[in-house]
Amino acid sequence: MKNPFAKRRAPLLSELGIRAIDERLAATATLDERIRKMSSELERRAVESEDAELLMTVPGIGYFSALAILAEIGDVSRFSDAEKL
């Protein structure tokens, strides 16, 4: 069975008048909005970072992965050479 809480089914579910479903739909809508805002903020930060932009030229690395890599590495100058990195 497909997800009964998919966005396109929300109007049908809300017509049922079941409080638990209405609460779930409201929570899902709130979380969706928060995720959208956070994704936009992360994408903005990645575009503003030269290092992230460079990482995003590697096939398969998007803004989220680029920022995660940079967060994990930290200050690249702490490595004496590429092999140490």
N, C-alpha and C. Protein backbone atom coordinates (compact mmCIF):
# COMPACT_ATOMS: atom_id res chain seq x y z
N MET A 1 0.84 -1.19 0.00
CA MET A 1 0.00 0.00 0.00
C MET A 1 0.88 1.24 0.00
N LYS A 2 0.49 2.19 -0.78
CA LYS A 2 1.21 3.46 -0.81
C LYS A 2 0.93 4.24 0.46
N ASN A 3 1.70 5.28 0.66
CA ASN A 3 1.58 6.12 1.86
C ASN A 3 0.22 6.82 1.88
N PRO A 4 -0.62 6.50 2.86
CA PRO A 4 -1.93 7.15 2.93
C PRO A 4 -1.83 8.62 3.35
N PHE A 5 -0.66 9.02 3.85
CA PHE A 5 -0.50 10.40 4.30
C PHE A 5 0.20 11.26 3.24
N ALA A 6 0.29 10.78 2.02
CA ALA A 6 0.88 11.56 0.94
C ALA A 6 0.12 12.88 0.80
N LYS A 7 0.84 13.91 0.39
CA LYS A 7 0.24 15.25 0.31
C LYS A 7 -1.03 15.28 -0.52
N ARG A 8 -1.07 14.54 -1.58
CA ARG A 8 -2.25 14.59 -2.45
C ARG A 8 -3.47 13.93 -1.81
N ARG A 9 -3.24 13.12 -0.77
CA ARG A 9 -4.36 12.47 -0.09
C ARG A 9 -4.81 13.24 1.15
N ALA A 10 -4.07 14.25 1.53
CA ALA A 10 -4.38 15.00 2.75
C ALA A 10 -5.81 15.54 2.77
N PRO A 11 -6.30 16.14 1.68
CA PRO A 11 -7.68 16.64 1.73
C PRO A 11 -8.71 15.53 2.01
N LEU A 12 -8.50 14.37 1.42
CA LEU A 12 -9.42 13.26 1.66
C LEU A 12 -9.37 12.80 3.12
N LEU A 13 -8.17 12.74 3.66
CA LEU A 13 -8.01 12.31 5.04
C LEU A 13 -8.61 13.31 6.02
N SER A 14 -8.43 14.59 5.73
CA SER A 14 -8.96 15.61 6.65
C SER A 14 -10.49 15.61 6.66
N GLU A 15 -11.10 15.18 5.57
CA GLU A 15 -12.57 15.11 5.51
C GLU A 15 -13.13 14.03 6.43
N LEU A 16 -12.30 13.10 6.87
CA LEU A 16 -12.77 12.02 7.74
C LEU A 16 -13.14 12.52 9.13
N GLY A 17 -12.54 13.66 9.52
CA GLY A 17 -12.86 14.23 10.82
C GLY A 17 -12.33 13.43 11.99
N ILE A 18 -11.23 12.72 11.77
CA ILE A 18 -10.61 11.93 12.84
C ILE A 18 -9.47 12.74 13.44
N ARG A 19 -9.59 13.02 14.72
CA ARG A 19 -8.64 13.93 15.38
C ARG A 19 -7.19 13.46 15.24
N ALA A 20 -6.93 12.18 15.43
CA ALA A 20 -5.57 11.66 15.34
C ALA A 20 -4.98 11.90 13.95
N ILE A 21 -5.79 11.73 12.93
CA ILE A 21 -5.33 11.96 11.56
C ILE A 21 -5.09 13.45 11.34
N ASP A 22 -5.99 14.28 11.81
CA ASP A 22 -5.82 15.73 11.67
C ASP A 22 -4.53 16.20 12.34
N GLU A 23 -4.24 15.64 13.52
CA GLU A 23 -3.01 16.01 14.22
C GLU A 23 -1.79 15.55 13.45
N ARG A 24 -1.85 14.37 12.89
CA ARG A 24 -0.74 13.85 12.09
C ARG A 24 -0.52 14.71 10.85
N LEU A 25 -1.58 15.09 10.20
CA LEU A 25 -1.47 15.94 9.01
C LEU A 25 -0.87 17.30 9.36
N ALA A 26 -1.29 17.87 10.47
CA ALA A 26 -0.75 19.17 10.91
C ALA A 26 0.73 19.04 11.25
N ALA A 27 1.09 17.98 11.94
CA ALA A 27 2.51 17.77 12.29
C ALA A 27 3.35 17.57 11.04
N THR A 28 2.83 16.81 10.11
CA THR A 28 3.54 16.57 8.85
C THR A 28 3.73 17.87 8.07
N ALA A 29 2.70 18.68 8.02
CA ALA A 29 2.80 19.96 7.31
C ALA A 29 3.84 20.87 7.97
N THR A 30 3.86 20.90 9.29
CA THR A 30 4.83 21.70 10.02
C THR A 30 6.25 21.22 9.75
N LEU A 31 6.45 19.92 9.82
CA LEU A 31 7.78 19.36 9.57
C LEU A 31 8.22 19.58 8.13
N ASP A 32 7.31 19.42 7.19
CA ASP A 32 7.64 19.67 5.79
C ASP A 32 8.13 21.10 5.58
N GLU A 33 7.46 22.05 6.22
CA GLU A 33 7.85 23.46 6.10
C GLU A 33 9.22 23.70 6.74
N ARG A 34 9.46 23.12 7.89
CA ARG A 34 10.75 23.29 8.57
C ARG A 34 11.88 22.67 7.74
N ILE A 35 11.62 21.51 7.14
CA ILE A 35 12.62 20.86 6.29
C ILE A 35 12.91 21.73 5.07
N ARG A 36 11.86 22.29 4.47
CA ARG A 36 12.03 23.15 3.30
C ARG A 36 12.90 24.35 3.63
N LYS A 37 12.62 24.99 4.78
CA LYS A 37 13.40 26.16 5.19
C LYS A 37 14.85 25.79 5.47
N MET A 38 15.07 24.68 6.17
CA MET A 38 16.43 24.25 6.49
C MET A 38 17.20 23.89 5.22
N SER A 39 16.55 23.22 4.30
CA SER A 39 17.20 22.87 3.04
C SER A 39 17.61 24.11 2.27
N SER A 40 16.73 25.10 2.25
CA SER A 40 17.04 26.37 1.57
C SER A 40 18.23 27.05 2.22
N GLU A 41 18.27 27.05 3.54
CA GLU A 41 19.37 27.68 4.28
C GLU A 41 20.68 26.94 4.01
N LEU A 42 20.66 25.62 4.02
CA LEU A 42 21.88 24.85 3.75
C LEU A 42 22.36 25.08 2.32
N GLU A 43 21.44 25.10 1.39
CA GLU A 43 21.82 25.34 -0.01
C GLU A 43 22.44 26.73 -0.16
N ARG A 44 21.86 27.72 0.51
CA ARG A 44 22.40 29.09 0.45
C ARG A 44 23.82 29.11 1.00
N ARG A 45 24.03 28.46 2.13
CA ARG A 45 25.36 28.43 2.74
C ARG A 45 26.38 27.73 1.85
N ALA A 46 25.96 26.66 1.20
CA ALA A 46 26.87 25.93 0.32
C ALA A 46 27.28 26.79 -0.87
N VAL A 47 26.33 27.51 -1.43
CA VAL A 47 26.62 28.36 -2.59
C VAL A 47 27.56 29.51 -2.20
N GLU A 48 27.48 29.95 -0.96
CA GLU A 48 28.34 31.04 -0.49
C GLU A 48 29.74 30.58 -0.10
N SER A 49 29.96 29.29 -0.05
CA SER A 49 31.25 28.73 0.36
C SER A 49 32.04 28.27 -0.86
N GLU A 50 33.24 28.83 -1.03
CA GLU A 50 34.09 28.43 -2.16
C GLU A 50 34.44 26.94 -2.06
N ASP A 51 34.75 26.48 -0.85
CA ASP A 51 35.11 25.08 -0.67
C ASP A 51 33.94 24.15 -1.01
N ALA A 52 32.75 24.52 -0.58
CA ALA A 52 31.58 23.70 -0.89
C ALA A 52 31.30 23.71 -2.39
N GLU A 53 31.44 24.86 -3.01
CA GLU A 53 31.24 24.96 -4.46
C GLU A 53 32.21 24.04 -5.19
N LEU A 54 33.45 24.01 -4.75
CA LEU A 54 34.45 23.15 -5.37
C LEU A 54 34.08 21.68 -5.19
N LEU A 55 33.68 21.31 -3.99
CA LEU A 55 33.28 19.93 -3.73
C LEU A 55 32.07 19.53 -4.59
N MET A 56 31.18 20.46 -4.84
CA MET A 56 29.98 20.15 -5.62
C MET A 56 30.28 19.92 -7.09
N THR A 57 31.51 20.18 -7.52
CA THR A 57 31.87 19.86 -8.90
C THR A 57 32.15 18.36 -9.06
N VAL A 58 32.30 17.65 -7.95
CA VAL A 58 32.50 16.20 -8.00
C VAL A 58 31.14 15.54 -8.24
N PRO A 59 31.04 14.69 -9.26
CA PRO A 59 29.76 14.03 -9.53
C PRO A 59 29.24 13.29 -8.29
N GLY A 60 27.98 13.50 -7.98
CA GLY A 60 27.35 12.83 -6.86
C GLY A 60 27.39 13.60 -5.55
N ILE A 61 28.12 14.72 -5.53
CA ILE A 61 28.19 15.52 -4.30
C ILE A 61 27.34 16.77 -4.50
N GLY A 62 26.28 16.86 -3.72
CA GLY A 62 25.40 18.03 -3.74
C GLY A 62 25.73 18.93 -2.58
N TYR A 63 24.88 19.91 -2.37
CA TYR A 63 25.15 20.90 -1.32
C TYR A 63 25.18 20.28 0.07
N PHE A 64 24.29 19.33 0.34
CA PHE A 64 24.25 18.73 1.67
C PHE A 64 25.52 17.93 1.94
N SER A 65 25.92 17.09 0.98
CA SER A 65 27.13 16.29 1.14
C SER A 65 28.37 17.17 1.25
N ALA A 66 28.42 18.22 0.45
CA ALA A 66 29.57 19.13 0.49
C ALA A 66 29.71 19.76 1.87
N LEU A 67 28.61 20.21 2.43
CA LEU A 67 28.66 20.82 3.77
C LEU A 67 29.01 19.79 4.83
N ALA A 68 28.52 18.56 4.68
CA ALA A 68 28.85 17.50 5.65
C ALA A 68 30.34 17.18 5.60
N ILE A 69 30.90 17.11 4.41
CA ILE A 69 32.33 16.84 4.26
C ILE A 69 33.14 17.96 4.91
N LEU A 70 32.77 19.20 4.63
CA LEU A 70 33.49 20.33 5.21
C LEU A 70 33.38 20.35 6.73
N ALA A 71 32.23 19.99 7.26
CA ALA A 71 32.05 19.94 8.71
C ALA A 71 32.93 18.85 9.32
N GLU A 72 33.05 17.75 8.63
CA GLU A 72 33.86 16.64 9.13
C GLU A 72 35.35 16.97 9.08
N ILE A 73 35.78 17.61 8.01
CA ILE A 73 37.21 17.93 7.84
C ILE A 73 37.63 19.06 8.78
N GLY A 74 36.79 20.06 8.90
CA GLY A 74 37.17 21.22 9.71
C GLY A 74 38.19 22.07 8.96
N ASP A 75 39.15 22.59 9.68
CA ASP A 75 40.18 23.44 9.08
C ASP A 75 41.17 22.56 8.32
N VAL A 76 41.14 22.65 7.00
CA VAL A 76 41.98 21.80 6.16
C VAL A 76 43.47 22.05 6.38
N SER A 77 43.82 23.23 6.86
CA SER A 77 45.24 23.55 7.06
C SER A 77 45.86 22.74 8.21
N ARG A 78 45.04 22.04 8.97
CA ARG A 78 45.58 21.22 10.06
C ARG A 78 46.23 19.94 9.54
N PHE A 79 46.03 19.65 8.25
CA PHE A 79 46.64 18.49 7.62
C PHE A 79 47.90 18.93 6.89
N SER A 80 48.99 18.20 7.09
CA SER A 80 50.27 18.59 6.47
C SER A 80 50.31 18.34 4.97
N ASP A 81 49.54 17.36 4.50
CA ASP A 81 49.47 17.12 3.06
C ASP A 81 48.19 16.38 2.71
N ALA A 82 47.95 16.19 1.41
CA ALA A 82 46.70 15.56 0.95
C ALA A 82 46.56 14.14 1.50
N GLU A 83 47.67 13.43 1.61
CA GLU A 83 47.60 12.06 2.11
C GLU A 83 47.13 12.02 3.57
N LYS A 84 47.54 12.99 4.36
CA LYS A 84 47.11 13.06 5.75
C LYS A 84 45.62 13.36 5.85
N LEU A 85 45.17 14.16 4.92
CA LEU A 85 43.74 14.49 4.87
C LEU A 85 42.94 13.22 4.63
